[in-house]
Amino acid sequence: MNSQDNCIFCKIVAGQIPSRKVYEDDEMMAFHDIHPKAPVHFLLIPKSHVDSLADCGPGEQAVLAKMMLKVPELARVAGCGNGFRTVINTGPDGGQEVYHLHLHVLGGPRNQWKVPLP
């Protein structure tokens, strides 16, 4: 749906658009959401472009595993000692707005969240 050339997250990875970084390594990057829905709300993305979780294959297996294992560490550092929520919106019916795979991490006191929980 999105090409790497006009992908806002690819531009953030390239340093063309500023972000408030939470974490970065050779394969992934985490940064604060510009429209937070909770006291803690950051995104974790692979640096390599893939449109959505539905477009992942065996080539993304290692980075997906690494991302999932990094989430608890980043959430703890961000102050989510009492728990956190992870969300991956996939496709238009899944609520995806930016077509570069990204994982939302939300936390903090639930009574301060701006999004209802199931």
Protein backbone atom coordinates (compact mmCIF):
# COMPACT_ATOMS: atom_id res chain seq x y z
CA MET A 1 0.00 0.00 0.00
CA ASN A 2 2.87 2.34 0.73
CA SER A 3 6.21 2.62 -0.96
CA GLN A 4 9.36 3.16 1.01
CA ASP A 5 9.82 6.51 -0.73
CA ASN A 6 6.70 8.12 0.77
CA CYS A 7 6.51 6.17 4.06
CA ILE A 8 6.57 8.48 7.08
CA PHE A 9 8.14 5.79 9.27
CA CYS A 10 10.91 5.14 6.71
CA LYS A 11 11.57 8.88 6.78
CA ILE A 12 11.76 8.79 10.59
CA VAL A 13 14.24 5.88 10.38
CA ALA A 14 16.30 7.86 7.83
CA GLY A 15 16.34 10.91 10.11
CA GLN A 16 14.39 13.03 7.61
CA ILE A 17 11.53 13.52 10.10
CA PRO A 18 12.29 14.09 13.80
CA SER A 19 10.95 11.77 16.48
CA ARG A 20 11.25 11.34 20.22
CA LYS A 21 13.25 8.11 20.24
CA VAL A 22 12.77 5.51 22.92
CA TYR A 23 15.18 2.93 21.49
CA GLU A 24 17.17 2.15 18.35
CA ASP A 25 19.42 -0.62 17.09
CA ASP A 26 20.40 -1.93 13.65
CA GLU A 27 17.03 -3.62 13.01
CA MET A 28 14.37 -1.66 14.84
CA MET A 29 13.42 1.66 16.33
CA ALA A 30 10.97 2.82 19.00
CA PHE A 31 9.60 6.34 19.34
CA HIS A 32 6.76 8.15 21.10
CA ASP A 33 3.39 8.30 19.34
CA ILE A 34 2.53 11.86 18.28
CA HIS A 35 -1.10 11.28 19.34
CA PRO A 36 -0.75 9.29 22.58
CA LYS A 37 -3.74 7.31 23.80
CA ALA A 38 -2.21 6.53 27.21
CA PRO A 39 0.36 8.09 29.57
CA VAL A 40 2.94 5.78 27.96
CA HIS A 41 2.43 5.28 24.22
CA PHE A 42 5.28 4.48 21.88
CA LEU A 43 5.65 2.63 18.60
CA LEU A 44 8.16 -0.09 17.80
CA ILE A 45 8.95 -0.58 14.11
CA PRO A 46 11.32 -2.65 12.02
CA LYS A 47 13.74 -0.42 10.12
CA SER A 48 13.19 -2.40 6.95
CA HIS A 49 9.91 -1.51 5.26
CA VAL A 50 7.07 -3.99 5.29
CA ASP A 51 3.53 -2.68 4.86
CA SER A 52 1.75 -4.67 7.58
CA LEU A 53 1.77 -7.83 9.66
CA ALA A 54 -0.26 -9.49 6.88
CA ASP A 55 2.69 -8.90 4.52
CA CYS A 56 5.25 -10.58 6.77
CA GLY A 57 6.83 -13.86 5.85
CA PRO A 58 9.76 -16.02 6.94
CA GLY A 59 12.14 -13.15 6.14
CA GLU A 60 10.63 -11.07 8.96
CA GLN A 61 10.58 -13.86 11.54
CA ALA A 62 13.79 -12.83 13.33
CA VAL A 63 12.97 -9.12 13.59
CA LEU A 64 9.40 -9.84 14.74
CA ALA A 65 10.72 -12.10 17.50
CA LYS A 66 13.31 -9.51 18.48
CA MET A 67 10.63 -6.79 18.60
CA MET A 68 8.33 -8.86 20.80
CA LEU A 69 11.16 -9.70 23.19
CA LYS A 70 12.23 -6.03 23.40
CA VAL A 71 8.73 -4.74 24.31
CA PRO A 72 8.72 -5.81 27.98
CA GLU A 73 12.15 -4.23 28.56
CA LEU A 74 11.14 -0.93 26.93
CA ALA A 75 7.80 -0.91 28.75
CA ARG A 76 9.52 -1.40 32.12
CA VAL A 77 11.97 1.42 31.41
CA ALA A 78 9.04 3.66 30.40
CA GLY A 79 7.38 3.05 33.78
CA CYS A 80 4.87 0.34 32.93
CA GLY A 81 5.63 -1.81 35.98
CA ASN A 82 1.94 -2.58 36.46
CA GLY A 83 1.42 -3.87 32.92
CA PHE A 84 1.07 -2.66 29.36
CA ARG A 85 -0.88 -3.32 26.18
CA THR A 86 0.51 -4.17 22.74
CA VAL A 87 -1.49 -3.56 19.57
CA ILE A 88 -0.73 -4.19 15.91
CA ASN A 89 -3.37 -2.68 13.63
CA THR A 90 -3.38 -4.53 10.31
CA GLY A 91 -5.09 -3.29 7.15
CA PRO A 92 -7.96 -0.85 6.75
CA ASP A 93 -10.50 -2.90 8.71
CA GLY A 94 -7.90 -3.37 11.45
CA GLY A 95 -7.51 0.38 11.86
CA GLN A 96 -4.05 0.67 10.30
CA GLU A 97 -3.31 4.26 9.26
CA VAL A 98 0.41 4.13 8.45
CA TYR A 99 1.42 1.30 6.14
CA HIS A 100 4.72 0.37 7.73
CA LEU A 101 4.44 -2.44 10.27
CA HIS A 102 4.34 -0.95 13.75
CA LEU A 103 3.56 -2.19 17.21
CA HIS A 104 1.87 0.16 19.70
CA VAL A 105 2.90 -0.14 23.34
CA LEU A 106 0.50 1.54 25.77
CA GLY A 107 0.74 1.76 29.53
CA GLY A 108 0.32 3.82 32.64
CA PRO A 109 -2.71 4.16 34.92
CA ARG A 110 -5.76 2.85 33.04
CA ASN A 111 -7.98 5.66 34.27
CA GLN A 112 -5.77 8.06 32.26
CA TRP A 113 -6.06 6.21 28.94
CA LYS A 114 -7.88 7.86 26.04
CA VAL A 115 -8.86 4.55 24.44
CA PRO A 116 -11.39 2.04 25.80
CA LEU A 117 -10.14 -1.40 26.73
CA PRO A 118 -12.06 -4.56 25.89
